[in-house]
C-alpha atoms as a PDB file:
ATOM      1  CA  MET A   1       0.031   0.661  -0.478  1.00  0.00           C
ATOM      2  CA  GLU A   2       2.855   2.583   1.026  1.00  0.00           C
ATOM      3  CA  GLN A   3       4.555   1.679  -2.743  1.00  0.00           C
ATOM      4  CA  ILE A   4       2.103   2.377  -4.256  1.00  0.00           C
ATOM      5  CA  LEU A   5       0.833   5.665  -2.397  1.00  0.00           C
ATOM      6  CA  ILE A   6       4.782   6.773  -3.110  1.00  0.00           C
ATOM      7  CA  ASN A   7       4.298   5.653  -7.255  1.00  0.00           C
ATOM      8  CA  ILE A   8       0.968   7.956  -7.144  1.00  0.00           C
ATOM      9  CA  SER A   9       2.446  10.672  -6.132  1.00  0.00           C
ATOM     10  CA  SER A  10       5.230  10.814  -7.356  1.00  0.00           C
ATOM     11  CA  PHE A  11       6.488  12.342 -11.172  1.00  0.00           C
ATOM     12  CA  PRO A  12       4.645  11.278 -13.423  1.00  0.00           C
ATOM     13  CA  VAL A  13       1.453   9.695 -12.742  1.00  0.00           C
ATOM     14  CA  SER A  14       1.165  12.904  -9.997  1.00  0.00           C
ATOM     15  CA  VAL A  15       0.290  15.107 -12.424  1.00  0.00           C
ATOM     16  CA  TYR A  16      -2.892  12.314 -13.295  1.00  0.00           C
ATOM     17  CA  THR A  17      -3.386  11.950  -9.654  1.00  0.00           C
ATOM     18  CA  ILE A  18      -4.111  15.710  -8.802  1.00  0.00           C
ATOM     19  CA  GLY A  19      -6.497  16.350 -11.479  1.00  0.00           C
ATOM     20  CA  LEU A  20      -7.801  13.354 -10.652  1.00  0.00           C
ATOM     21  CA  GLY A  21      -8.337  14.340  -7.164  1.00  0.00           C
ATOM     22  CA  ILE A  22     -10.227  17.547  -9.047  1.00  0.00           C
ATOM     23  CA  VAL A  23     -12.818  15.879 -10.168  1.00  0.00           C
ATOM     24  CA  ILE A  24     -12.930  13.612  -6.840  1.00  0.00           C
ATOM     25  CA  GLY A  25     -13.508  16.236  -5.497  1.00  0.00           C
ATOM     26  CA  TYR A  26     -16.314  18.073  -8.007  1.00  0.00           C
ATOM     27  CA  TRP A  27     -17.918  14.494  -8.263  1.00  0.00           C
ATOM     28  CA  LEU A  28     -18.333  13.979  -4.251  1.00  0.00           C
ATOM     29  CA  ILE A  29     -19.536  18.344  -3.825  1.00  0.00           C
ATOM     30  CA  ALA A  30     -22.111  17.147  -7.408  1.00  0.00           C
ATOM     31  CA  MET A  31     -23.520  14.372  -5.393  1.00  0.00           C
ATOM     32  CA  ILE A  32     -24.364  16.502  -2.074  1.00  0.00           C
ATOM     33  CA  GLY A  33     -26.352  19.446  -4.476  1.00  0.00           C
ATOM     34  CA  LEU A  34     -23.201  21.892  -3.718  1.00  0.00           C
ATOM     35  CA  VAL A  35     -22.774  21.997  -7.638  1.00  0.00           C
ATOM     36  CA  ASP A  36     -25.632  22.738 -10.432  1.00  0.00           C
ATOM     37  CA  LEU A  37     -25.700  19.918 -11.855  1.00  0.00           C
ATOM     38  CA  ASP A  38     -26.996  21.603 -15.429  1.00  0.00           C
ATOM     39  CA  MET A  39     -23.746  20.658 -16.313  1.00  0.00           C
ATOM     40  CA  LEU A  40     -24.460  17.608 -17.043  1.00  0.00           C
ATOM     41  CA  SER A  41     -25.973  18.535 -20.241  1.00  0.00           C
ATOM     42  CA  PRO A  42     -23.951  17.991 -22.878  1.00  0.00           C
ATOM     43  CA  GLU A  43     -25.079  21.860 -24.899  1.00  0.00           C
ATOM     44  CA  VAL A  44     -24.029  23.801 -21.346  1.00  0.00           C
ATOM     45  CA  ASP A  45     -21.602  26.579 -22.592  1.00  0.00           C
ATOM     46  CA  LEU A  46     -18.049  25.664 -21.532  1.00  0.00           C
ATOM     47  CA  GLU A  47     -17.489  29.671 -20.641  1.00  0.00           C
ATOM     48  CA  LEU A  48     -20.571  32.130 -20.941  1.00  0.00           C
ATOM     49  CA  ASP A  49     -18.011  34.866 -21.186  1.00  0.00           C
ATOM     50  CA  ALA A  50     -15.340  33.250 -23.602  1.00  0.00           C
ATOM     51  CA  ASP A  51     -15.145  34.681 -27.221  1.00  0.00           C
ATOM     52  CA  VAL A  52     -17.440  32.769 -29.930  1.00  0.00           C
ATOM     53  CA  GLY A  53     -14.637  32.146 -31.951  1.00  0.00           C
ATOM     54  CA  GLN A  54     -12.762  30.797 -29.057  1.00  0.00           C
ATOM     55  CA  LEU A  55     -16.002  28.495 -28.258  1.00  0.00           C
ATOM     56  CA  GLY A  56     -15.769  26.986 -31.896  1.00  0.00           C
ATOM     57  CA  ASN A  57     -12.972  26.336 -32.131  1.00  0.00           C
ATOM     58  CA  ILE A  58     -13.070  24.373 -28.658  1.00  0.00           C
ATOM     59  CA  ALA A  59     -15.736  22.476 -29.592  1.00  0.00           C
ATOM     60  CA  GLY A  60     -13.897  21.820 -33.157  1.00  0.00           C
ATOM     61  CA  VAL A  61     -11.201  20.064 -31.538  1.00  0.00           C
ATOM     62  CA  LEU A  62     -13.966  17.860 -29.706  1.00  0.00           C
ATOM     63  CA  THR A  63     -15.861  17.106 -32.215  1.00  0.00           C
ATOM     64  CA  THR A  64     -12.441  16.389 -34.308  1.00  0.00           C
ATOM     65  CA  LEU A  65     -11.110  14.218 -31.338  1.00  0.00           C
ATOM     66  CA  GLY A  66     -14.869  12.225 -31.231  1.00  0.00           C
ATOM     67  CA  LEU A  67     -15.607  13.895 -27.903  1.00  0.00           C
ATOM     68  CA  SER A  68     -18.333  16.026 -28.446  1.00  0.00           C
ATOM     69  CA  GLY A  69     -22.631  14.567 -27.868  1.00  0.00           C
ATOM     70  CA  VAL A  70     -21.363  13.664 -24.377  1.00  0.00           C
ATOM     71  CA  PRO A  71     -21.467  16.192 -21.126  1.00  0.00           C
ATOM     72  CA  ILE A  72     -18.073  17.275 -20.819  1.00  0.00           C
ATOM     73  CA  THR A  73     -17.983  16.744 -17.226  1.00  0.00           C
ATOM     74  CA  ILE A  74     -18.351  12.611 -18.044  1.00  0.00           C
ATOM     75  CA  VAL A  75     -15.187  13.300 -21.037  1.00  0.00           C
ATOM     76  CA  VAL A  76     -13.048  15.279 -19.176  1.00  0.00           C
ATOM     77  CA  THR A  77     -13.562  12.622 -15.613  1.00  0.00           C
ATOM     78  CA  LEU A  78     -13.030   9.241 -18.488  1.00  0.00           C
ATOM     79  CA  LEU A  79     -10.317  11.040 -19.845  1.00  0.00           C
ATOM     80  CA  ILE A  80      -7.873  11.645 -16.606  1.00  0.00           C
ATOM     81  CA  PHE A  81      -9.304   8.369 -15.004  1.00  0.00           C
ATOM     82  CA  ILE A  82      -8.075   6.526 -17.992  1.00  0.00           C
ATOM     83  CA  GLY A  83      -5.130   8.614 -18.432  1.00  0.00           C
ATOM     84  CA  TRP A  84      -4.161   7.812 -14.999  1.00  0.00           C
ATOM     85  CA  CYS A  85      -4.322   4.103 -15.293  1.00  0.00           C
ATOM     86  CA  ILE A  86      -2.379   4.502 -17.920  1.00  0.00           C
ATOM     87  CA  CYS A  87       0.747   6.766 -16.348  1.00  0.00           C
ATOM     88  CA  TYR A  88       0.261   4.487 -13.947  1.00  0.00           C
ATOM     89  CA  PHE A  89       1.583   1.330 -15.396  1.00  0.00           C
ATOM     90  CA  LEU A  90       4.117   2.856 -17.789  1.00  0.00           C
ATOM     91  CA  SER A  91       5.813   4.311 -15.291  1.00  0.00           C
ATOM     92  CA  LYS A  92       6.669   1.428 -13.961  1.00  0.00           C
ATOM     93  CA  LEU A  93       8.267   0.483 -16.765  1.00  0.00           C
ATOM     94  CA  ILE A  94      11.203   3.304 -16.795  1.00  0.00           C
ATOM     95  CA  PRO A  95      13.915   1.621 -15.646  1.00  0.00           C
ATOM     96  CA  SER A  96      16.177   4.311 -12.491  1.00  0.00           C
ATOM     97  CA  PHE A  97      18.799   6.389 -14.258  1.00  0.00           C
ATOM     98  CA  PRO A  98      21.991   7.563 -12.523  1.00  0.00           C
ATOM     99  CA  GLU A  99      21.798  11.325 -11.730  1.00  0.00           C
ATOM    100  CA  VAL A 100      24.076  12.292 -14.652  1.00  0.00           C
ATOM    101  CA  PHE A 101      21.098  10.193 -17.024  1.00  0.00           C
ATOM    102  CA  SER A 102      18.290  12.123 -15.108  1.00  0.00           C
ATOM    103  CA  LEU A 103      17.449  14.260 -18.412  1.00  0.00           C
ATOM    104  CA  VAL A 104      16.789  11.214 -20.084  1.00  0.00           C
ATOM    105  CA  GLU A 105      14.566  10.204 -17.302  1.00  0.00           C
ATOM    106  CA  ILE A 106      12.659  13.432 -17.194  1.00  0.00           C
ATOM    107  CA  ALA A 107      12.184  12.985 -21.034  1.00  0.00           C
ATOM    108  CA  LEU A 108      10.341   9.523 -20.984  1.00  0.00           C
ATOM    109  CA  ASP A 109       8.609  10.861 -18.209  1.00  0.00           C
ATOM    110  CA  LEU A 110       7.784  12.850 -20.468  1.00  0.00           C
ATOM    111  CA  GLY A 111       6.411  10.887 -23.321  1.00  0.00           C
ATOM    112  CA  VAL A 112       4.396   8.807 -20.682  1.00  0.00           C
ATOM    113  CA  ILE A 113       2.080  11.801 -19.850  1.00  0.00           C
ATOM    114  CA  ILE A 114       1.791  12.339 -23.359  1.00  0.00           C
ATOM    115  CA  VAL A 115       1.901   9.064 -24.530  1.00  0.00           C
ATOM    116  CA  SER A 116      -0.473   8.173 -21.820  1.00  0.00           C
ATOM    117  CA  MET A 117      -3.100  11.384 -22.706  1.00  0.00           C
ATOM    118  CA  MET A 118      -3.075  10.655 -26.486  1.00  0.00           C
ATOM    119  CA  VAL A 119      -4.599   6.699 -25.647  1.00  0.00           C
ATOM    120  CA  SER A 120      -7.040   8.260 -23.249  1.00  0.00           C
ATOM    121  CA  ILE A 121      -8.198  10.318 -25.964  1.00  0.00           C
ATOM    122  CA  VAL A 122      -9.304   7.117 -28.960  1.00  0.00           C
ATOM    123  CA  VAL A 123     -10.305   4.997 -25.089  1.00  0.00           C
ATOM    124  CA  THR A 124     -12.742   7.500 -23.724  1.00  0.00           C
ATOM    125  CA  SER A 125     -13.859   8.099 -27.624  1.00  0.00           C
ATOM    126  CA  VAL A 126     -14.988   4.734 -28.025  1.00  0.00           C
ATOM    127  CA  LEU A 127     -16.049   5.132 -24.627  1.00  0.00           C
ATOM    128  CA  ILE A 128     -18.303   7.603 -25.030  1.00  0.00           C
ATOM    129  CA  ARG A 129     -20.064   6.172 -28.010  1.00  0.00           C
ATOM    130  CA  PRO A 130     -22.800   3.769 -26.318  1.00  0.00           C
ATOM    131  CA  LEU A 131     -23.693   6.795 -24.243  1.00  0.00           C
ATOM    132  CA  LYS A 132     -24.497   9.736 -27.218  1.00  0.00           C
ATOM    133  CA  PRO A 133     -27.490   8.785 -28.159  1.00  0.00           C
ATOM    134  CA  ILE A 134     -29.269   8.589 -24.600  1.00  0.00           C
ATOM    135  CA  PHE A 135     -28.072  12.514 -24.307  1.00  0.00           C
ATOM    136  CA  LYS A 136     -29.132  13.431 -27.403  1.00  0.00           C
ATOM    137  CA  LYS A 137     -32.229  11.900 -27.099  1.00  0.00           C
ATOM    138  CA  ILE A 138     -32.997  12.847 -23.331  1.00  0.00           C
ATOM    139  CA  ASN A 139     -31.723  16.694 -25.245  1.00  0.00           C
ATOM    140  CA  ASP A 140     -33.717  16.782 -28.257  1.00  0.00           C
ATOM    141  CA  GLU A 141     -35.294  19.870 -28.060  1.00  0.00           C
ATOM    142  CA  PRO A 142     -36.421  22.176 -31.117  1.00  0.00           C
ATOM    143  CA  MET A 143     -33.122  24.424 -32.248  1.00  0.00           C
ATOM    144  CA  SER A 144     -35.274  27.818 -31.628  1.00  0.00           C
ATOM    145  CA  ARG A 145     -35.380  27.005 -27.738  1.00  0.00           C
ATOM    146  CA  ALA A 146     -32.714  25.062 -27.322  1.00  0.00           C
ATOM    147  CA  VAL A 147     -30.334  28.255 -28.290  1.00  0.00           C
ATOM    148  CA  ILE A 148     -32.580  30.247 -25.733  1.00  0.00           C
ATOM    149  CA  GLY A 149     -30.207  32.138 -23.252  1.00  0.00           C
ATOM    150  CA  ARG A 150     -26.704  31.865 -25.019  1.00  0.00           C
ATOM    151  CA  THR A 151     -24.884  34.677 -25.716  1.00  0.00           C
ATOM    152  CA  CYS A 152     -23.689  35.551 -29.132  1.00  0.00           C
ATOM    153  CA  ARG A 153     -22.524  38.214 -30.994  1.00  0.00           C
ATOM    154  CA  VAL A 154     -23.156  41.131 -33.323  1.00  0.00           C
ATOM    155  CA  ARG A 155     -22.242  39.950 -36.579  1.00  0.00           C
ATOM    156  CA  SER A 156     -24.062  43.050 -38.623  1.00  0.00           C
ATOM    157  CA  SER A 157     -23.874  46.642 -38.888  1.00  0.00           C
ATOM    158  CA  ARG A 158     -26.389  47.068 -36.041  1.00  0.00           C
ATOM    159  CA  VAL A 159     -29.485  45.191 -34.002  1.00  0.00           C
ATOM    160  CA  ASP A 160     -32.417  47.259 -33.848  1.00  0.00           C
ATOM    161  CA  GLU A 161     -35.913  46.631 -33.975  1.00  0.00           C
ATOM    162  CA  LYS A 162     -35.372  45.584 -37.567  1.00  0.00           C
ATOM    163  CA  PHE A 163     -32.773  44.384 -38.426  1.00  0.00           C
ATOM    164  CA  GLY A 164     -29.614  42.123 -37.234  1.00  0.00           C
ATOM    165  CA  GLU A 165     -27.644  38.978 -37.336  1.00  0.00           C
ATOM    166  CA  VAL A 166     -25.353  37.535 -34.872  1.00  0.00           C
ATOM    167  CA  GLU A 167     -23.717  34.754 -34.518  1.00  0.00           C
ATOM    168  CA  CYS A 168     -24.082  31.981 -31.870  1.00  0.00           C
ATOM    169  CA  ILE A 169     -22.327  28.682 -31.397  1.00  0.00           C
ATOM    170  CA  PHE A 170     -24.612  25.929 -30.682  1.00  0.00           C
ATOM    171  CA  GLN A 171     -23.439  21.919 -30.866  1.00  0.00           C
ATOM    172  CA  GLY A 172     -20.363  23.044 -32.357  1.00  0.00           C
ATOM    173  CA  ALA A 173     -21.494  24.505 -34.949  1.00  0.00           C
ATOM    174  CA  SER A 174     -21.393  28.535 -35.734  1.00  0.00           C
ATOM    175  CA  LEU A 175     -25.193  29.608 -36.434  1.00  0.00           C
ATOM    176  CA  ILE A 176     -26.198  32.773 -38.160  1.00  0.00           C
ATOM    177  CA  LEU A 177     -29.864  34.004 -36.800  1.00  0.00           C
ATOM    178  CA  LYS A 178     -31.734  36.347 -37.608  1.00  0.00           C
ATOM    179  CA  VAL A 179     -32.300  38.821 -34.157  1.00  0.00           C
ATOM    180  CA  ARG A 180     -34.683  42.051 -33.477  1.00  0.00           C
ATOM    181  CA  SER A 181     -33.727  44.183 -30.031  1.00  0.00           C
ATOM    182  CA  TYR A 182     -36.422  43.512 -27.274  1.00  0.00           C
ATOM    183  CA  ASN A 183     -36.092  47.219 -25.841  1.00  0.00           C
ATOM    184  CA  LYS A 184     -35.215  49.431 -29.028  1.00  0.00           C
ATOM    185  CA  GLU A 185     -31.490  49.262 -28.050  1.00  0.00           C
ATOM    186  CA  ILE A 186     -29.547  49.367 -30.815  1.00  0.00           C
ATOM    187  CA  PHE A 187     -26.332  47.338 -30.910  1.00  0.00           C
ATOM    188  CA  LYS A 188     -23.097  47.391 -33.163  1.00  0.00           C
ATOM    189  CA  THR A 189     -20.808  45.181 -34.359  1.00  0.00           C
ATOM    190  CA  GLY A 190     -18.819  42.892 -32.144  1.00  0.00           C
ATOM    191  CA  ASP A 191     -21.474  43.606 -29.056  1.00  0.00           C
ATOM    192  CA  LYS A 192     -22.488  40.413 -26.815  1.00  0.00           C
ATOM    193  CA  VAL A 193     -26.025  39.868 -26.768  1.00  0.00           C
ATOM    194  CA  VAL A 194     -28.268  36.913 -25.328  1.00  0.00           C
ATOM    195  CA  LEU A 195     -31.141  35.078 -27.586  1.00  0.00           C
ATOM    196  CA  VAL A 196     -34.464  35.369 -25.000  1.00  0.00           C
ATOM    197  CA  GLU A 197     -36.936  34.615 -27.429  1.00  0.00           C
ATOM    198  CA  HIS A 198     -38.282  33.527 -30.362  1.00  0.00           C
ATOM    199  CA  GLN A 199     -39.996  35.276 -32.811  1.00  0.00           C
ATOM    200  CA  LEU A 200     -42.918  32.795 -35.269  1.00  0.00           C
ATOM    201  CA  LYS A 201     -44.295  35.262 -38.102  1.00  0.00           C
ATOM    202  CA  ASP A 202     -39.953  35.484 -38.669  1.00  0.00           C
ATOM    203  CA  ASP A 203     -37.934  33.645 -37.616  1.00  0.00           C
ATOM    204  CA  SER A 204     -36.400  35.424 -35.796  1.00  0.00           C
ATOM    205  CA  PHE A 205     -34.922  35.631 -32.096  1.00  0.00           C
ATOM    206  CA  LEU A 206     -35.240  38.789 -29.074  1.00  0.00           C
ATOM    207  CA  VAL A 207     -32.219  39.872 -27.607  1.00  0.00           C
ATOM    208  CA  ILE A 208     -30.993  41.734 -24.684  1.00  0.00           C
ATOM    209  CA  SER A 209     -27.806  43.086 -23.556  1.00  0.00           C
ATOM    210  CA  GLU A 210     -25.581  40.384 -21.962  1.00  0.00           C
ATOM    211  CA  ASP A 211     -24.777  42.519 -18.954  1.00  0.00           C
ATOM    212  CA  GLN A 212     -29.136  42.812 -18.867  1.00  0.00           C
ATOM    213  CA  PHE A 213     -29.832  39.768 -18.301  1.00  0.00           C
ATOM    214  CA  ASN A 214     -26.636  38.983 -15.944  1.00  0.00           C
ATOM    215  CA  LYS A 215     -28.936  41.716 -14.293  1.00  0.00           C
ATOM    216  CA  GLU A 216     -31.507  40.036 -13.965  1.00  0.00           C
ATOM    217  CA  LEU A 217     -30.849  37.285 -13.268  1.00  0.00           C
ATOM    218  CA  GLU A 218     -29.164  38.454 -10.045  1.00  0.00           C
ATOM    219  CA  LYS A 219     -32.305  39.945  -9.045  1.00  0.00           C
END
């Protein structure tokens, strides 16, 4: 037991051990209700205030790696746990080098971390495939309703009561949506707005400023 504790707290396994500790802590807190379990939705924003382009890049990477369609919390948990297991066993194969060759040992340790993560990505993408239809069914709803409450970026020259377009990231794709100002406000290119209502008559969305939306949430 003592040797196992030494192994998991030694480099390179310690890198994954720290991550595993954070993940376990998150799930323990979630179990007692101190964390919002809306994070279990695959459509959760990775970061509300992040740049739209950055969100698109992150979502694109996850999709490319086959890690989309399942809540990010589950994906991260599997990546870290599988990476930890692989790193633990691979590290046992690295022999001890004399101090003069310490750089060689460090290089091998770093290689183990990288290889562990690469293999973990492949294994995780395989494991989550059966889960994707389940979460798709749970979260299956019209796109017009699913995007309500999302933060978007104005791409047209302006947004007012009669005209406007925004760019919104939805399921890893960049959507161009027709919008209208909710309270006679006028927004300019680059402003952040939040979709608050879908209008069937012209298939557009009413928007308010992100600041106003956050103030309404605080009430």
